[in-house]
Protein backbone atom coordinates (compact mmCIF):
# COMPACT_ATOMS: atom_id res chain seq x y z
CA MET A 1 2.08 68.97 100.42
CA ALA A 2 -0.93 68.19 102.99
CA GLY A 3 0.10 67.78 106.30
CA VAL A 4 -0.93 65.20 109.16
CA SER A 5 -4.20 65.93 110.84
CA GLY A 6 -3.89 66.49 114.59
CA CYS A 7 -7.57 65.70 115.18
CA ILE A 8 -6.84 62.03 113.41
CA LYS A 9 -3.81 61.51 115.14
CA TYR A 10 -4.59 62.12 118.71
CA SER A 11 -7.92 60.39 118.31
CA MET A 12 -5.84 57.30 116.88
CA PHE A 13 -3.53 57.83 120.05
CA VAL A 14 -6.64 57.89 122.34
CA PHE A 15 -8.60 54.99 120.88
CA ASN A 16 -5.30 52.74 120.75
CA PHE A 17 -4.15 53.67 124.47
CA LEU A 18 -7.75 52.62 125.85
CA PHE A 19 -7.34 49.61 123.56
CA TRP A 20 -3.98 48.69 125.14
CA LEU A 21 -5.31 49.27 128.62
CA CYS A 22 -8.10 46.91 127.83
CA GLY A 23 -5.63 44.43 126.54
CA LEU A 24 -3.32 44.85 129.75
CA LEU A 25 -6.40 44.05 132.15
CA ILE A 26 -7.51 41.00 130.20
CA LEU A 27 -3.79 39.80 130.26
CA ALA A 28 -3.02 40.55 133.79
CA LEU A 29 -6.39 39.00 134.88
CA ALA A 30 -5.84 35.87 133.06
CA ILE A 31 -2.19 35.61 134.02
CA TRP A 32 -3.24 35.84 137.73
CA ILE A 33 -5.63 33.34 137.50
CA ARG A 34 -3.28 30.82 135.60
CA VAL A 35 -0.42 31.47 138.38
CA SER A 36 -2.11 32.64 141.65
CA LYS A 37 -3.24 30.03 144.57
CA ASP A 38 -6.79 31.82 144.39
CA GLY A 39 -6.84 31.53 140.66
CA GLN A 40 -5.81 27.88 140.95
CA GLU A 41 -8.89 27.22 143.38
CA ILE A 42 -11.38 28.89 141.01
CA LEU A 43 -10.25 26.93 137.91
CA ASN A 44 -10.37 23.90 140.19
CA LYS A 45 -13.90 24.41 141.20
CA GLY A 46 -15.08 23.72 137.72
CA GLU A 47 -16.93 20.49 137.51
CA SER A 48 -17.48 20.21 133.82
CA GLY A 49 -15.35 17.66 131.78
CA MET A 50 -13.63 20.43 129.83
CA ASN A 51 -10.10 21.70 130.57
CA PRO A 52 -10.54 25.27 132.28
CA TYR A 53 -6.85 26.12 131.38
CA VAL A 54 -7.74 26.29 127.56
CA ALA A 55 -10.12 29.24 128.36
CA VAL A 56 -7.42 31.01 130.27
CA ASP A 57 -4.79 30.58 127.77
CA ILE A 58 -7.32 31.81 125.15
CA LEU A 59 -7.63 35.05 127.17
CA ILE A 60 -3.98 35.22 127.42
CA ALA A 61 -3.47 35.08 123.70
CA VAL A 62 -6.57 37.65 123.27
CA GLY A 63 -5.09 40.07 125.79
CA ALA A 64 -1.47 39.98 124.18
CA THR A 65 -3.05 40.52 120.84
CA ILE A 66 -4.95 43.58 121.74
CA MET A 67 -1.74 44.90 123.44
CA ILE A 68 0.35 44.47 120.56
CA LEU A 69 -2.31 46.14 118.17
CA GLY A 70 -2.80 49.14 120.70
CA PHE A 71 0.82 49.62 121.13
CA LEU A 72 1.27 49.60 117.26
CA GLY A 73 -1.76 52.09 116.99
CA CYS A 74 -0.51 54.40 119.80
CA CYS A 75 3.24 54.64 118.54
CA GLY A 76 2.43 54.62 115.01
CA ALA A 77 0.17 57.73 115.60
CA MET A 78 2.35 59.66 117.78
CA ARG A 79 5.91 58.76 115.92
CA GLU A 80 4.08 58.83 112.75
CA SER A 81 5.45 55.81 111.57
CA ARG A 82 3.90 54.24 108.51
CA CYS A 83 5.44 50.84 109.12
CA MET A 84 3.38 50.59 112.56
CA LEU A 85 0.19 52.06 111.16
CA LEU A 86 0.46 49.46 108.34
CA LEU A 87 1.08 46.54 110.54
CA PHE A 88 -1.71 47.84 112.94
CA PHE A 89 -3.95 48.13 109.77
CA ILE A 90 -3.18 44.44 108.91
CA GLY A 91 -3.82 43.29 112.23
CA LEU A 92 -7.10 44.78 112.67
CA LEU A 93 -8.22 43.71 109.26
CA LEU A 94 -7.19 40.15 109.74
CA ILE A 95 -9.47 40.23 113.14
CA LEU A 96 -12.32 41.77 111.24
CA LEU A 97 -11.97 39.05 108.27
CA LEU A 98 -11.94 36.38 111.01
CA GLN A 99 -15.15 37.78 112.88
CA VAL A 100 -16.94 37.84 109.33
CA ALA A 101 -15.77 34.46 108.48
CA ALA A 102 -16.91 33.17 111.71
CA GLY A 103 -20.42 34.78 111.04
CA ILE A 104 -20.77 33.44 107.59
CA VAL A 105 -19.59 29.86 108.61
CA GLY A 106 -21.81 29.86 111.80
CA ALA A 107 -24.82 30.87 109.26
CA ALA A 108 -24.03 28.53 106.59
CA PHE A 109 -23.64 25.30 109.20
CA LYS A 110 -26.19 26.39 111.59
CA SER A 111 -28.37 23.06 110.72
CA GLU A 112 -25.22 21.02 110.94
CA SER A 113 -24.19 22.46 114.18
CA GLU A 114 -27.24 21.99 115.66
CA HIS A 115 -27.42 18.08 114.55
CA ILE A 116 -23.72 17.88 116.08
CA LEU A 117 -24.96 19.66 119.21
CA ASN A 118 -27.69 17.12 119.70
CA GLU A 119 -25.83 14.16 119.26
CA THR A 120 -23.29 15.58 121.79
CA LEU A 121 -26.15 16.23 124.16
CA GLN A 122 -27.53 12.71 123.77
CA LYS A 123 -24.20 11.28 124.55
CA ASN A 124 -24.03 13.71 127.75
CA THR A 125 -27.58 12.34 128.57
CA ASP A 126 -26.07 8.82 128.96
CA LEU A 127 -23.72 10.32 131.78
CA LEU A 128 -26.95 10.99 133.89
CA SER A 129 -27.38 7.21 134.45
CA GLY A 130 -23.50 6.57 134.58
CA THR A 131 -21.72 5.75 138.04
CA ASP A 132 -17.97 6.73 137.19
CA ASP A 133 -16.31 9.96 138.41
CA ASN A 134 -16.74 12.02 135.10
CA ALA A 135 -20.49 10.87 135.18
CA LYS A 136 -20.94 11.91 138.80
CA ALA A 137 -19.05 15.33 138.29
CA PHE A 138 -21.48 16.11 135.22
CA GLN A 139 -24.34 14.94 137.44
CA ASP A 140 -23.63 17.33 140.27
CA ALA A 141 -23.14 20.25 137.76
CA LEU A 142 -26.46 19.61 136.13
CA ILE A 143 -28.08 19.43 139.40
CA ASN A 144 -26.73 22.82 140.60
CA PHE A 145 -27.92 24.23 137.08
CA GLN A 146 -31.26 22.78 137.47
CA LYS A 147 -31.86 24.49 140.94
CA GLU A 148 -30.53 27.63 139.61
CA PHE A 149 -32.61 27.99 136.30
CA LYS A 150 -35.82 25.71 137.44
CA CYS A 151 -35.22 23.07 134.54
CA CYS A 152 -35.00 19.36 134.17
CA GLY A 153 -32.76 17.17 132.54
CA LEU A 154 -31.16 17.82 129.01
CA LEU A 155 -33.21 16.87 126.16
CA ASN A 156 -36.24 15.05 127.28
CA GLY A 157 -36.80 16.49 130.96
CA ALA A 158 -37.03 14.19 133.88
CA ALA A 159 -36.80 11.12 131.68
CA ASP A 160 -33.16 11.80 131.01
CA TRP A 161 -32.53 10.83 134.59
CA GLY A 162 -34.14 7.55 134.66
CA THR A 163 -35.32 6.67 138.11
CA LYS A 164 -33.02 9.53 139.51
CA TYR A 165 -35.03 12.37 138.91
CA GLU A 166 -35.35 13.94 142.30
CA SER A 167 -33.21 16.78 141.62
CA CYS A 168 -36.06 17.95 139.37
CA ASN A 169 -38.73 18.17 141.93
CA CYS A 170 -40.64 21.33 141.87
CA ILE A 171 -42.92 21.18 144.98
CA ASP A 172 -42.62 24.80 146.18
CA GLU A 173 -42.72 26.23 142.48
CA PRO A 174 -45.73 27.69 140.32
CA ASN A 175 -47.56 24.91 138.75
CA THR A 176 -47.08 26.73 135.23
CA SER A 177 -43.40 25.65 135.42
CA CYS A 178 -43.91 22.21 136.50
CA THR A 179 -45.42 18.94 134.96
CA GLU A 180 -46.42 15.33 136.40
CA TYR A 181 -43.93 12.86 135.75
CA GLU A 182 -44.63 9.24 137.19
CA GLY A 183 -46.99 10.84 140.02
CA HIS A 184 -44.50 13.74 140.82
CA LEU A 185 -44.23 17.34 139.82
CA VAL A 186 -41.01 18.01 138.20
CA TYR A 187 -39.73 20.89 136.35
CA LYS A 188 -41.41 21.14 132.74
CA GLN A 189 -38.63 22.60 130.69
CA PRO A 190 -35.42 20.59 129.64
CA CYS A 191 -32.18 22.66 130.49
CA VAL A 192 -31.16 22.87 126.76
CA SER A 193 -34.55 24.28 125.75
CA PHE A 194 -33.92 26.60 128.44
CA ILE A 195 -30.60 27.70 127.32
CA LYS A 196 -31.77 28.13 123.55
CA ASP A 197 -34.78 30.34 124.75
CA LEU A 198 -32.10 32.24 126.74
CA VAL A 199 -29.96 32.70 123.71
CA LYS A 200 -32.90 33.52 121.38
CA LYS A 201 -33.98 36.48 123.90
CA HIS A 202 -30.71 37.65 123.85
CA ALA A 203 -29.65 37.39 120.32
CA ILE A 204 -30.26 40.93 119.40
CA ILE A 205 -28.01 42.23 122.28
CA ILE A 206 -25.39 39.65 120.76
CA ILE A 207 -25.70 40.98 117.46
CA GLY A 208 -25.60 44.38 118.40
CA ILE A 209 -22.41 44.00 120.22
CA ALA A 210 -20.95 42.25 117.29
CA PHE A 211 -22.09 45.08 114.77
CA GLY A 212 -20.63 47.54 117.45
CA LEU A 213 -17.26 45.95 117.40
CA ALA A 214 -17.27 45.76 113.66
CA VAL A 215 -17.98 49.71 113.69
CA VAL A 216 -15.29 50.41 115.83
CA GLU A 217 -12.81 48.25 114.00
CA ILE A 218 -14.05 49.71 110.62
CA LEU A 219 -13.50 53.29 111.92
CA GLY A 220 -9.80 52.15 113.24
CA LEU A 221 -9.04 50.93 109.64
CA ILE A 222 -10.26 54.01 108.09
CA PHE A 223 -8.29 56.31 110.57
CA SER A 224 -5.16 54.51 110.60
CA MET A 225 -5.26 54.40 106.73
CA VAL A 226 -6.04 58.17 106.49
CA LEU A 227 -3.04 58.80 108.84
CA PHE A 228 -0.94 56.29 106.87
CA CYS A 229 -1.64 58.43 103.45
CA GLN A 230 -1.29 61.65 105.17
CA ILE A 231 2.22 60.77 106.56
CA GLY A 232 3.18 59.46 103.26
CA SER A 233 2.03 63.04 101.40
CA LYS A 234 4.07 65.09 103.67
């Protein structure tokens, strides 16, 4: 009967040990942010309407999942446990299928998602003329974003601000990035347009990372199944 390949066995162990360490780092960082005083200050600095704890909880779940998969892969390889390797294979396959499904859904509903995004942004535009606490917090966040990235408003530039467009002034900026609005020079590009252009410029990098992750996951699936079969044929 064929034996177990030492190369595949120890490659699986090293790969999953690094995988487990990544999960440990993500989990430790997320828990530190969640419970420490400094972490609370970081979370409370957020000025958007979204609950910042949601992102931290997602990180905790991701870190824990990676650690569990890494543990199953390491122990399954070293102990030559078919049960652990099978659980590792199923878990990694589910993650890969979720990624593929997310990509398909994103491509299929791209136009619809853009429509929903535009509607949401239109509602957020109303906050620029609001006076309540949420509106003021959103306005402060957008002003800081405008200063950082030299853009103005959300969808329609300075017009989104109504009469309060002083934060869009670009007196010291090159004329190519400015336009005239009611006798004043303001940033020409709306911030949403800037974000979309930025995403398009980095789309190849994002696709490359997603493709690289998929390749690594497929290799993990192949190695775990080969090892699973080799252990069964001993």
